Amino acid sequence: MDTTARRSTEIHFGLAWNWQFDQDFVNQIDRSCLNSGLSCYLVGNHNLQQTFLEVQNGERHFTWFLDRASDEDERFLKFNQLLQSKGAKFLNSQHNYRRSIDKANIHGELLARGLQLPLTIILPPYESEPNFDARLIEPLASPFVVKPAKGGGGFGVVVGATRPDDVMQTRAKFRNQRFLIQQRVVPQILNGRRAWFRVYHVCGSIIPCWWDDTTHRYAVVTPSDRAHVNVDELSRIIRIIADVSKLDFFSTEIALEHDGRYFVVDYVNDPCDMRPQSKYFDGVPDTIVAMIVSCITGHIKKQFAPTAQPTDEDAYLWP
């Protein structure tokens, strides 16, 4: 009888994806890993079953893994659970992801940490409590925002709600979701731009972007913008959110109100939309995508070849 142990293929970094618009991003990750001397393995619908069996049989082992698929497909969630049982380390672990992606879960923690959040009423799921006291929303100026506690991309969000019926109708469409009813934040205008920002936290690095909440158009925040954008405050805010959420890679929406305060409008967005602006009007600037890829692969490489800790000047990055 052959007692020779089956040799396992070691993979430094694996990435699961199943959204067609992720193709450019995952290809960049793959190339960046190759250029950094890291082995990378991409898991999609086409090879999920085979890779599952290889990991289960000890033929393939992942040291680090990033999941961008299980939010839409439970098969990838089962794969994540298998990887975890085999000792893989995750960027954005499932436990932290599932807790933090629900805005109602971390709202109180962020308030307790001193962050400025819109005045918010949290309502239970419609299926458990269909009726609510309309007087609860009286403190909110009209129009106000109605948003599901979970989800992203604006799905299920009503920005211009004015009546209790708007709340009732929206809750009835998403019957098992808690809802946040929030005061609408109107940003300042800085040099002709709406002072609304999408800020990325990527493995400890901070990357701020302008993001117009009406057009969804991104623009790079440059060093010259520091004259009127408090990048240090944006960095401080997202580091607190990272500490509360325990996530490695996510984005946050922050708006500068007319009174000079930075309000956290949307706490945690994950998975982040990584479509490149060169191909999509509302995509992420290509330079920012490249920086995010570099931050991820640089972080993974440090796990195998540790280097000196970054200086304060590396706390946030510029294109």
C-alpha atoms as a PDB file:
ATOM      1  CA  MET A   1       0.000   0.000   0.000  1.00  0.00           C
ATOM      2  CA  ASP A   2       1.329   3.454  -0.971  1.00  0.00           C
ATOM      3  CA  THR A   3       1.710   5.492   2.209  1.00  0.00           C
ATOM      4  CA  THR A   4       3.316   8.498   0.516  1.00  0.00           C
ATOM      5  CA  ALA A   5       1.668  11.699   1.786  1.00  0.00           C
ATOM      6  CA  ARG A   6       0.007  13.798  -0.844  1.00  0.00           C
ATOM      7  CA  ARG A   7       1.895  17.058  -1.236  1.00  0.00           C
ATOM      8  CA  SER A   8      -0.069  20.275  -0.733  1.00  0.00           C
ATOM      9  CA  THR A   9       0.271  23.282  -3.048  1.00  0.00           C
ATOM     10  CA  GLU A  10       0.814  26.372  -0.911  1.00  0.00           C
ATOM     11  CA  ILE A  11      -0.877  29.573  -2.075  1.00  0.00           C
ATOM     12  CA  HIS A  12       0.163  32.867  -0.513  1.00  0.00           C
ATOM     13  CA  PHE A  13      -3.039  34.720  -1.420  1.00  0.00           C
ATOM     14  CA  GLY A  14      -6.394  33.616  -2.760  1.00  0.00           C
ATOM     15  CA  LEU A  15      -9.309  35.726  -3.939  1.00  0.00           C
ATOM     16  CA  ALA A  16     -12.896  34.612  -4.522  1.00  0.00           C
ATOM     17  CA  TRP A  17     -15.022  36.579  -6.989  1.00  0.00           C
ATOM     18  CA  ASN A  18     -18.212  36.111  -8.968  1.00  0.00           C
ATOM     19  CA  TRP A  19     -19.139  39.607 -10.229  1.00  0.00           C
ATOM     20  CA  GLN A  20     -18.304  40.103 -13.890  1.00  0.00           C
ATOM     21  CA  PHE A  21     -17.250  43.729 -13.304  1.00  0.00           C
ATOM     22  CA  ASP A  22     -14.516  42.554 -10.917  1.00  0.00           C
ATOM     23  CA  GLN A  23     -12.488  41.145 -13.806  1.00  0.00           C
ATOM     24  CA  ASP A  24     -10.108  44.104 -14.097  1.00  0.00           C
ATOM     25  CA  PHE A  25      -9.546  44.284 -10.343  1.00  0.00           C
ATOM     26  CA  VAL A  26      -8.787  40.604  -9.842  1.00  0.00           C
ATOM     27  CA  ASN A  27      -6.476  40.594 -12.858  1.00  0.00           C
ATOM     28  CA  GLN A  28      -4.530  43.489 -11.309  1.00  0.00           C
ATOM     29  CA  ILE A  29      -4.320  41.638  -8.000  1.00  0.00           C
ATOM     30  CA  ASP A  30      -3.029  38.561  -9.805  1.00  0.00           C
ATOM     31  CA  ARG A  31      -0.347  40.545 -11.679  1.00  0.00           C
ATOM     32  CA  SER A  32       0.685  42.475  -8.578  1.00  0.00           C
ATOM     33  CA  CYS A  33       1.151  39.260  -6.616  1.00  0.00           C
ATOM     34  CA  LEU A  34       3.254  37.811  -9.421  1.00  0.00           C
ATOM     35  CA  ASN A  35       5.419  40.933  -9.512  1.00  0.00           C
ATOM     36  CA  SER A  36       5.808  40.767  -5.706  1.00  0.00           C
ATOM     37  CA  GLY A  37       6.903  37.138  -5.732  1.00  0.00           C
ATOM     38  CA  LEU A  38       3.618  35.921  -4.246  1.00  0.00           C
ATOM     39  CA  SER A  39       1.582  32.994  -5.466  1.00  0.00           C
ATOM     40  CA  CYS A  40      -2.034  33.951  -6.170  1.00  0.00           C
ATOM     41  CA  TYR A  41      -5.035  31.811  -6.976  1.00  0.00           C
ATOM     42  CA  LEU A  42      -8.392  33.159  -8.180  1.00  0.00           C
ATOM     43  CA  VAL A  43     -11.527  31.239  -7.248  1.00  0.00           C
ATOM     44  CA  GLY A  44     -14.695  31.764  -9.288  1.00  0.00           C
ATOM     45  CA  ASN A  45     -17.805  29.940 -10.344  1.00  0.00           C
ATOM     46  CA  HIS A  46     -15.784  27.969 -12.885  1.00  0.00           C
ATOM     47  CA  ASN A  47     -13.417  26.318 -10.380  1.00  0.00           C
ATOM     48  CA  LEU A  48     -15.105  26.635  -6.977  1.00  0.00           C
ATOM     49  CA  GLN A  49     -16.147  22.983  -6.716  1.00  0.00           C
ATOM     50  CA  GLN A  50     -12.749  21.661  -7.793  1.00  0.00           C
ATOM     51  CA  THR A  51     -10.878  24.037  -5.466  1.00  0.00           C
ATOM     52  CA  PHE A  52     -13.176  23.074  -2.584  1.00  0.00           C
ATOM     53  CA  LEU A  53     -12.273  19.426  -3.066  1.00  0.00           C
ATOM     54  CA  GLU A  54      -8.550  20.197  -3.332  1.00  0.00           C
ATOM     55  CA  VAL A  55      -8.599  22.158  -0.069  1.00  0.00           C
ATOM     56  CA  GLN A  56     -10.726  19.517   1.616  1.00  0.00           C
ATOM     57  CA  ASN A  57      -8.300  16.775   0.543  1.00  0.00           C
ATOM     58  CA  GLY A  58      -5.222  18.740   1.586  1.00  0.00           C
ATOM     59  CA  GLU A  59      -4.008  19.199  -1.994  1.00  0.00           C
ATOM     60  CA  ARG A  60      -4.148  23.004  -1.853  1.00  0.00           C
ATOM     61  CA  HIS A  61      -3.623  25.347   1.098  1.00  0.00           C
ATOM     62  CA  PHE A  62      -4.290  29.094   1.228  1.00  0.00           C
ATOM     63  CA  THR A  63      -2.360  31.222   3.709  1.00  0.00           C
ATOM     64  CA  TRP A  64      -4.346  34.452   3.117  1.00  0.00           C
ATOM     65  CA  PHE A  65      -7.718  34.941   1.463  1.00  0.00           C
ATOM     66  CA  LEU A  66     -10.064  37.738   0.367  1.00  0.00           C
ATOM     67  CA  ASP A  67     -13.703  36.897  -0.295  1.00  0.00           C
ATOM     68  CA  ARG A  68     -15.714  39.023  -2.737  1.00  0.00           C
ATOM     69  CA  ALA A  69     -18.376  36.459  -3.558  1.00  0.00           C
ATOM     70  CA  SER A  70     -20.155  34.997  -0.527  1.00  0.00           C
ATOM     71  CA  ASP A  71     -22.445  38.014  -0.091  1.00  0.00           C
ATOM     72  CA  GLU A  72     -24.215  36.833  -3.263  1.00  0.00           C
ATOM     73  CA  ASP A  73     -23.587  33.070  -3.228  1.00  0.00           C
ATOM     74  CA  GLU A  74     -23.713  30.834  -0.140  1.00  0.00           C
ATOM     75  CA  ARG A  75     -21.497  28.233  -1.823  1.00  0.00           C
ATOM     76  CA  PHE A  76     -18.594  30.615  -1.301  1.00  0.00           C
ATOM     77  CA  LEU A  77     -19.580  31.000   2.352  1.00  0.00           C
ATOM     78  CA  LYS A  78     -19.202  27.233   2.812  1.00  0.00           C
ATOM     79  CA  PHE A  79     -15.840  27.462   1.065  1.00  0.00           C
ATOM     80  CA  ASN A  80     -14.779  30.216   3.487  1.00  0.00           C
ATOM     81  CA  GLN A  81     -15.743  28.033   6.416  1.00  0.00           C
ATOM     82  CA  LEU A  82     -13.622  25.207   5.004  1.00  0.00           C
ATOM     83  CA  LEU A  83     -10.664  27.553   4.523  1.00  0.00           C
ATOM     84  CA  GLN A  84     -10.990  28.813   8.075  1.00  0.00           C
ATOM     85  CA  SER A  85     -10.993  25.247   9.381  1.00  0.00           C
ATOM     86  CA  LYS A  86      -7.755  24.678   7.451  1.00  0.00           C
ATOM     87  CA  GLY A  87      -6.060  27.682   9.064  1.00  0.00           C
ATOM     88  CA  ALA A  88      -6.382  30.297   6.305  1.00  0.00           C
ATOM     89  CA  LYS A  89      -6.229  33.937   7.421  1.00  0.00           C
ATOM     90  CA  PHE A  90      -8.775  36.353   5.984  1.00  0.00           C
ATOM     91  CA  LEU A  91      -8.813  39.972   4.990  1.00  0.00           C
ATOM     92  CA  ASN A  92     -12.265  40.887   6.331  1.00  0.00           C
ATOM     93  CA  SER A  93     -13.154  37.743   8.253  1.00  0.00           C
ATOM     94  CA  GLN A  94     -16.727  36.525   7.861  1.00  0.00           C
ATOM     95  CA  HIS A  95     -17.523  37.104  11.531  1.00  0.00           C
ATOM     96  CA  ASN A  96     -16.445  40.746  11.399  1.00  0.00           C
ATOM     97  CA  TYR A  97     -17.996  41.271   7.973  1.00  0.00           C
ATOM     98  CA  ARG A  98     -21.420  39.980   8.973  1.00  0.00           C
ATOM     99  CA  ARG A  99     -21.476  42.023  12.164  1.00  0.00           C
ATOM    100  CA  SER A 100     -20.271  45.288  10.628  1.00  0.00           C
ATOM    101  CA  ILE A 101     -22.139  45.230   7.334  1.00  0.00           C
ATOM    102  CA  ASP A 102     -25.356  45.703   9.340  1.00  0.00           C
ATOM    103  CA  LYS A 103     -25.348  49.441  10.032  1.00  0.00           C
ATOM    104  CA  ALA A 104     -27.707  49.015  12.979  1.00  0.00           C
ATOM    105  CA  ASN A 105     -25.154  46.776  14.728  1.00  0.00           C
ATOM    106  CA  ILE A 106     -22.364  49.330  14.866  1.00  0.00           C
ATOM    107  CA  HIS A 107     -24.317  52.608  14.937  1.00  0.00           C
ATOM    108  CA  GLY A 108     -24.255  52.821  18.736  1.00  0.00           C
ATOM    109  CA  GLU A 109     -20.572  51.888  18.937  1.00  0.00           C
ATOM    110  CA  LEU A 110     -19.606  54.630  16.500  1.00  0.00           C
ATOM    111  CA  LEU A 111     -21.628  57.185  18.443  1.00  0.00           C
ATOM    112  CA  ALA A 112     -19.944  56.055  21.662  1.00  0.00           C
ATOM    113  CA  ARG A 113     -16.552  56.649  20.015  1.00  0.00           C
ATOM    114  CA  GLY A 114     -17.501  60.277  19.402  1.00  0.00           C
ATOM    115  CA  LEU A 115     -18.125  60.224  15.657  1.00  0.00           C
ATOM    116  CA  GLN A 116     -20.634  62.622  14.121  1.00  0.00           C
ATOM    117  CA  LEU A 117     -23.515  60.603  12.637  1.00  0.00           C
ATOM    118  CA  PRO A 118     -26.797  61.869  11.157  1.00  0.00           C
ATOM    119  CA  LEU A 119     -29.696  61.937  13.626  1.00  0.00           C
ATOM    120  CA  THR A 120     -30.973  58.352  13.275  1.00  0.00           C
ATOM    121  CA  ILE A 121     -34.018  56.279  14.211  1.00  0.00           C
ATOM    122  CA  ILE A 122     -33.565  52.483  13.990  1.00  0.00           C
ATOM    123  CA  LEU A 123     -36.727  50.507  13.256  1.00  0.00           C
ATOM    124  CA  PRO A 124     -37.164  46.717  13.639  1.00  0.00           C
ATOM    125  CA  PRO A 125     -37.957  44.488  10.636  1.00  0.00           C
ATOM    126  CA  TYR A 126     -41.389  44.930   9.085  1.00  0.00           C
ATOM    127  CA  GLU A 127     -42.223  41.233   9.427  1.00  0.00           C
ATOM    128  CA  SER A 128     -41.802  41.368  13.218  1.00  0.00           C
ATOM    129  CA  GLU A 129     -43.291  44.841  13.777  1.00  0.00           C
ATOM    130  CA  PRO A 130     -45.077  46.232  10.690  1.00  0.00           C
ATOM    131  CA  ASN A 131     -46.477  49.309  12.411  1.00  0.00           C
ATOM    132  CA  PHE A 132     -44.449  52.060  14.011  1.00  0.00           C
ATOM    133  CA  ASP A 133     -45.179  55.277  15.840  1.00  0.00           C
ATOM    134  CA  ALA A 134     -44.988  58.029  13.217  1.00  0.00           C
ATOM    135  CA  ARG A 135     -44.097  60.499  15.971  1.00  0.00           C
ATOM    136  CA  LEU A 136     -40.648  58.882  16.092  1.00  0.00           C
ATOM    137  CA  ILE A 137     -39.637  60.574  12.866  1.00  0.00           C
ATOM    138  CA  GLU A 138     -40.943  64.031  13.773  1.00  0.00           C
ATOM    139  CA  PRO A 139     -37.475  65.213  14.947  1.00  0.00           C
ATOM    140  CA  LEU A 140     -36.111  64.553  11.426  1.00  0.00           C
ATOM    141  CA  ALA A 141     -36.253  67.487   9.038  1.00  0.00           C
ATOM    142  CA  SER A 142     -37.984  66.740   5.720  1.00  0.00           C
ATOM    143  CA  PRO A 143     -36.789  65.319   3.405  1.00  0.00           C
ATOM    144  CA  PHE A 144     -35.059  62.515   5.271  1.00  0.00           C
ATOM    145  CA  VAL A 145     -33.311  59.290   4.254  1.00  0.00           C
ATOM    146  CA  VAL A 146     -34.666  55.744   4.588  1.00  0.00           C
ATOM    147  CA  LYS A 147     -32.094  52.976   4.208  1.00  0.00           C
ATOM    148  CA  PRO A 148     -31.902  49.229   4.938  1.00  0.00           C
ATOM    149  CA  ALA A 149     -29.468  48.331   7.714  1.00  0.00           C
ATOM    150  CA  LYS A 150     -27.731  45.924   5.328  1.00  0.00           C
ATOM    151  CA  GLY A 151     -26.822  46.345   1.688  1.00  0.00           C
ATOM    152  CA  GLY A 152     -24.924  48.753  -0.502  1.00  0.00           C
ATOM    153  CA  GLY A 153     -24.877  50.531  -3.819  1.00  0.00           C
ATOM    154  CA  GLY A 154     -27.930  52.569  -2.853  1.00  0.00           C
ATOM    155  CA  PHE A 155     -30.168  49.486  -3.109  1.00  0.00           C
ATOM    156  CA  GLY A 156     -33.398  50.081  -1.189  1.00  0.00           C
ATOM    157  CA  VAL A 157     -32.399  53.626  -0.149  1.00  0.00           C
ATOM    158  CA  VAL A 158     -34.918  56.487  -0.368  1.00  0.00           C
ATOM    159  CA  VAL A 159     -33.079  59.815  -0.196  1.00  0.00           C
ATOM    160  CA  GLY A 160     -36.068  62.184  -0.458  1.00  0.00           C
ATOM    161  CA  ALA A 161     -38.586  60.661   1.943  1.00  0.00           C
ATOM    162  CA  THR A 162     -41.093  63.137   3.389  1.00  0.00           C
ATOM    163  CA  ARG A 163     -43.949  61.102   4.914  1.00  0.00           C
ATOM    164  CA  PRO A 164     -44.444  58.165   7.273  1.00  0.00           C
ATOM    165  CA  ASP A 165     -45.951  56.312   4.289  1.00  0.00           C
ATOM    166  CA  ASP A 166     -42.552  56.470   2.547  1.00  0.00           C
ATOM    167  CA  VAL A 167     -41.099  54.592   5.514  1.00  0.00           C
ATOM    168  CA  MET A 168     -43.921  52.043   5.604  1.00  0.00           C
ATOM    169  CA  GLN A 169     -43.750  51.259   1.882  1.00  0.00           C
ATOM    170  CA  THR A 170     -39.973  50.867   1.843  1.00  0.00           C
ATOM    171  CA  ARG A 171     -39.930  48.634   4.932  1.00  0.00           C
ATOM    172  CA  ALA A 172     -42.632  46.441   3.385  1.00  0.00           C
ATOM    173  CA  LYS A 173     -40.374  45.776   0.374  1.00  0.00           C
ATOM    174  CA  PHE A 174     -37.567  44.477   2.607  1.00  0.00           C
ATOM    175  CA  ARG A 175     -39.597  42.719   5.267  1.00  0.00           C
ATOM    176  CA  ASN A 176     -36.772  41.033   7.193  1.00  0.00           C
ATOM    177  CA  GLN A 177     -34.487  44.072   7.392  1.00  0.00           C
ATOM    178  CA  ARG A 178     -34.016  46.613  10.129  1.00  0.00           C
ATOM    179  CA  PHE A 179     -34.127  50.171   8.792  1.00  0.00           C
ATOM    180  CA  LEU A 180     -32.275  53.381   9.564  1.00  0.00           C
ATOM    181  CA  ILE A 181     -34.318  56.562   9.241  1.00  0.00           C
ATOM    182  CA  GLN A 182     -31.799  59.377   9.068  1.00  0.00           C
ATOM    183  CA  GLN A 183     -31.549  63.112   8.899  1.00  0.00           C
ATOM    184  CA  ARG A 184     -30.400  64.123   5.415  1.00  0.00           C
ATOM    185  CA  VAL A 185     -26.899  65.589   5.328  1.00  0.00           C
ATOM    186  CA  VAL A 186     -26.330  68.455   2.874  1.00  0.00           C
ATOM    187  CA  PRO A 187     -22.615  68.999   2.208  1.00  0.00           C
ATOM    188  CA  GLN A 188     -20.714  72.214   1.727  1.00  0.00           C
ATOM    189  CA  ILE A 189     -19.573  73.242  -1.737  1.00  0.00           C
ATOM    190  CA  LEU A 190     -15.765  73.505  -1.905  1.00  0.00           C
ATOM    191  CA  ASN A 191     -14.298  75.044  -5.058  1.00  0.00           C
ATOM    192  CA  GLY A 192     -17.379  73.964  -6.993  1.00  0.00           C
ATOM    193  CA  ARG A 193     -17.405  70.423  -5.590  1.00  0.00           C
ATOM    194  CA  ARG A 194     -19.795  68.817  -3.154  1.00  0.00           C
ATOM    195  CA  ALA A 195     -17.774  68.089  -0.010  1.00  0.00           C
ATOM    196  CA  TRP A 196     -18.703  64.418   0.032  1.00  0.00           C
ATOM    197  CA  PHE A 197     -15.929  61.849   0.290  1.00  0.00           C
ATOM    198  CA  ARG A 198     -15.481  58.135  -0.089  1.00  0.00           C
ATOM    199  CA  VAL A 199     -12.523  57.115   2.038  1.00  0.00           C
ATOM    200  CA  TYR A 200     -10.864  53.714   1.700  1.00  0.00           C
ATOM    201  CA  HIS A 201      -9.218  51.792   4.500  1.00  0.00           C
ATOM    202  CA  VAL A 202      -6.877  49.218   2.950  1.00  0.00           C
ATOM    203  CA  CYS A 203      -4.833  47.133   5.381  1.00  0.00           C
ATOM    204  CA  GLY A 204      -3.998  50.159   7.520  1.00  0.00           C
ATOM    205  CA  SER A 205      -3.528  52.674   4.700  1.00  0.00           C
ATOM    206  CA  ILE A 206      -6.041  55.469   4.112  1.00  0.00           C
ATOM    207  CA  ILE A 207      -7.000  56.623   0.607  1.00  0.00           C
ATOM    208  CA  PRO A 208      -9.490  59.536   0.363  1.00  0.00           C
ATOM    209  CA  CYS A 209     -11.533  60.350  -2.747  1.00  0.00           C
ATOM    210  CA  TRP A 210     -14.031  62.999  -3.678  1.00  0.00           C
ATOM    211  CA  TRP A 211     -17.359  61.293  -4.397  1.00  0.00           C
ATOM    212  CA  ASP A 212     -20.370  63.223  -5.642  1.00  0.00           C
ATOM    213  CA  ASP A 213     -23.456  61.735  -3.992  1.00  0.00           C
ATOM    214  CA  THR A 214     -25.698  63.014  -6.810  1.00  0.00           C
ATOM    215  CA  THR A 215     -23.673  61.836  -9.841  1.00  0.00           C
ATOM    216  CA  HIS A 216     -21.647  59.065  -8.141  1.00  0.00           C
ATOM    217  CA  ARG A 217     -18.597  60.455  -9.900  1.00  0.00           C
ATOM    218  CA  TYR A 218     -15.203  60.018  -8.195  1.00  0.00           C
ATOM    219  CA  ALA A 219     -12.199  62.346  -8.233  1.00  0.00           C
ATOM    220  CA  VAL A 220      -8.765  62.026  -6.687  1.00  0.00           C
ATOM    221  CA  VAL A 221      -7.996  64.013  -3.529  1.00  0.00           C
ATOM    222  CA  THR A 222      -4.623  65.617  -4.222  1.00  0.00           C
ATOM    223  CA  PRO A 223      -2.086  67.125  -1.814  1.00  0.00           C
ATOM    224  CA  SER A 224      -3.167  70.624  -2.916  1.00  0.00           C
ATOM    225  CA  ASP A 225      -6.695  69.850  -1.652  1.00  0.00           C
ATOM    226  CA  ARG A 226      -5.365  69.842   1.897  1.00  0.00           C
ATOM    227  CA  ALA A 227      -5.831  73.618   1.965  1.00  0.00           C
ATOM    228  CA  HIS A 228      -9.587  73.085   2.385  1.00  0.00           C
ATOM    229  CA  VAL A 229     -10.029  69.343   3.059  1.00  0.00           C
ATOM    230  CA  ASN A 230      -9.075  68.084   6.517  1.00  0.00           C
ATOM    231  CA  VAL A 231      -7.475  64.822   5.432  1.00  0.00           C
ATOM    232  CA  ASP A 232      -6.199  64.231   8.974  1.00  0.00           C
ATOM    233  CA  GLU A 233      -9.797  64.249  10.216  1.00  0.00           C
ATOM    234  CA  LEU A 234     -10.928  61.886   7.444  1.00  0.00           C
ATOM    235  CA  SER A 235      -8.095  59.562   8.451  1.00  0.00           C
ATOM    236  CA  ARG A 236      -8.970  59.774  12.147  1.00  0.00           C
ATOM    237  CA  ILE A 237     -12.617  58.958  11.451  1.00  0.00           C
ATOM    238  CA  ILE A 238     -12.001  55.920   9.264  1.00  0.00           C
ATOM    239  CA  ARG A 239      -9.413  54.519  11.688  1.00  0.00           C
ATOM    240  CA  ILE A 240     -12.058  54.572  14.406  1.00  0.00           C
ATOM    241  CA  ILE A 241     -14.474  52.769  12.086  1.00  0.00           C
ATOM    242  CA  ALA A 242     -11.771  50.210  11.275  1.00  0.00           C
ATOM    243  CA  ASP A 243     -11.193  49.648  14.981  1.00  0.00           C
ATOM    244  CA  VAL A 244     -14.914  49.145  15.626  1.00  0.00           C
ATOM    245  CA  SER A 245     -15.576  46.994  12.564  1.00  0.00           C
ATOM    246  CA  LYS A 246     -12.309  45.001  12.690  1.00  0.00           C
ATOM    247  CA  LEU A 247     -12.286  45.066   8.881  1.00  0.00           C
ATOM    248  CA  ASP A 248      -9.134  45.369   6.776  1.00  0.00           C
ATOM    249  CA  PHE A 249     -10.562  46.589   3.460  1.00  0.00           C
ATOM    250  CA  PHE A 250     -13.674  48.755   3.208  1.00  0.00           C
ATOM    251  CA  SER A 251     -14.835  52.266   2.345  1.00  0.00           C
ATOM    252  CA  THR A 252     -16.800  54.898   4.233  1.00  0.00           C
ATOM    253  CA  GLU A 253     -18.827  57.887   3.049  1.00  0.00           C
ATOM    254  CA  ILE A 254     -18.118  61.123   4.913  1.00  0.00           C
ATOM    255  CA  ALA A 255     -19.677  64.534   4.230  1.00  0.00           C
ATOM    256  CA  LEU A 256     -18.561  67.992   5.389  1.00  0.00           C
ATOM    257  CA  GLU A 257     -21.575  69.852   6.765  1.00  0.00           C
ATOM    258  CA  HIS A 258     -22.017  73.622   6.574  1.00  0.00           C
ATOM    259  CA  ASP A 259     -21.138  73.933  10.260  1.00  0.00           C
ATOM    260  CA  GLY A 260     -17.670  72.497   9.564  1.00  0.00           C
ATOM    261  CA  ARG A 261     -18.288  69.029  11.035  1.00  0.00           C
ATOM    262  CA  TYR A 262     -17.491  65.827   9.150  1.00  0.00           C
ATOM    263  CA  PHE A 263     -20.481  63.458   9.293  1.00  0.00           C
ATOM    264  CA  VAL A 264     -20.200  59.725   8.671  1.00  0.00           C
ATOM    265  CA  VAL A 265     -23.050  59.101   6.247  1.00  0.00           C
ATOM    266  CA  ASP A 266     -22.477  55.445   5.345  1.00  0.00           C
ATOM    267  CA  TYR A 267     -20.378  53.492   7.817  1.00  0.00           C
ATOM    268  CA  VAL A 268     -19.026  50.389   6.059  1.00  0.00           C
ATOM    269  CA  ASN A 269     -19.124  49.481   2.385  1.00  0.00           C
ATOM    270  CA  ASP A 270     -17.822  45.990   1.642  1.00  0.00           C
ATOM    271  CA  PRO A 271     -17.145  44.558  -0.894  1.00  0.00           C
ATOM    272  CA  CYS A 272     -15.922  47.814  -2.424  1.00  0.00           C
ATOM    273  CA  ASP A 273     -16.860  48.530  -6.033  1.00  0.00           C
ATOM    274  CA  MET A 274     -13.566  48.384  -7.922  1.00  0.00           C
ATOM    275  CA  ARG A 275     -14.730  49.095 -11.478  1.00  0.00           C
ATOM    276  CA  PRO A 276     -12.126  51.376 -13.141  1.00  0.00           C
ATOM    277  CA  GLN A 277     -13.099  54.903 -14.139  1.00  0.00           C
ATOM    278  CA  SER A 278     -11.389  54.437 -17.517  1.00  0.00           C
ATOM    279  CA  LYS A 279     -14.219  52.051 -18.438  1.00  0.00           C
ATOM    280  CA  TYR A 280     -17.141  53.254 -16.292  1.00  0.00           C
ATOM    281  CA  PHE A 281     -18.305  56.822 -15.696  1.00  0.00           C
ATOM    282  CA  ASP A 282     -19.023  56.119 -12.023  1.00  0.00           C
ATOM    283  CA  GLY A 283     -16.000  53.870 -11.514  1.00  0.00           C
ATOM    284  CA  VAL A 284     -13.033  54.355  -9.190  1.00  0.00           C
ATOM    285  CA  PRO A 285     -10.120  56.404 -10.605  1.00  0.00           C
ATOM    286  CA  ASP A 286      -7.597  53.989 -12.080  1.00  0.00           C
ATOM    287  CA  THR A 287      -4.786  55.444  -9.976  1.00  0.00           C
ATOM    288  CA  ILE A 288      -6.821  54.715  -6.822  1.00  0.00           C
ATOM    289  CA  VAL A 289      -7.517  51.132  -7.929  1.00  0.00           C
ATOM    290  CA  ALA A 290      -3.781  50.661  -8.490  1.00  0.00           C
ATOM    291  CA  MET A 291      -3.018  52.052  -5.037  1.00  0.00           C
ATOM    292  CA  ILE A 292      -5.557  49.728  -3.418  1.00  0.00           C
ATOM    293  CA  VAL A 293      -4.075  46.723  -5.230  1.00  0.00           C
ATOM    294  CA  SER A 294      -0.597  47.768  -4.092  1.00  0.00           C
ATOM    295  CA  CYS A 295      -1.747  48.136  -0.480  1.00  0.00           C
ATOM    296  CA  ILE A 296      -3.303  44.661  -0.458  1.00  0.00           C
ATOM    297  CA  THR A 297      -0.373  42.844  -2.031  1.00  0.00           C
ATOM    298  CA  GLY A 298       2.108  44.869   0.027  1.00  0.00           C
ATOM    299  CA  HIS A 299       0.294  43.857   3.202  1.00  0.00           C
ATOM    300  CA  ILE A 300       0.344  40.180   2.204  1.00  0.00           C
ATOM    301  CA  LYS A 301       4.027  40.314   1.297  1.00  0.00           C
ATOM    302  CA  LYS A 302       4.851  41.789   4.722  1.00  0.00           C
ATOM    303  CA  GLN A 303       3.365  38.679   6.334  1.00  0.00           C
ATOM    304  CA  PHE A 304       6.086  36.607   4.679  1.00  0.00           C
ATOM    305  CA  ALA A 305       8.904  39.177   4.658  1.00  0.00           C
ATOM    306  CA  PRO A 306       8.255  41.684   7.460  1.00  0.00           C
ATOM    307  CA  THR A 307       9.687  45.162   6.992  1.00  0.00           C
ATOM    308  CA  ALA A 308       9.840  48.286   9.128  1.00  0.00           C
ATOM    309  CA  GLN A 309       6.541  49.783  10.244  1.00  0.00           C
ATOM    310  CA  PRO A 310       5.291  52.669   8.070  1.00  0.00           C
ATOM    311  CA  THR A 311       5.977  56.214   9.214  1.00  0.00           C
ATOM    312  CA  ASP A 312       3.287  58.777   9.993  1.00  0.00           C
ATOM    313  CA  GLU A 313       3.733  60.159   6.484  1.00  0.00           C
ATOM    314  CA  ASP A 314       2.501  56.820   5.145  1.00  0.00           C
ATOM    315  CA  ALA A 315      -0.741  57.017   7.129  1.00  0.00           C
ATOM    316  CA  TYR A 316      -2.548  58.025   3.947  1.00  0.00           C
ATOM    317  CA  LEU A 317      -1.485  57.814   0.342  1.00  0.00           C
ATOM    318  CA  TRP A 318      -1.500  60.184  -2.618  1.00  0.00           C
ATOM    319  CA  PRO A 319      -1.534  59.282  -6.327  1.00  0.00           C
END
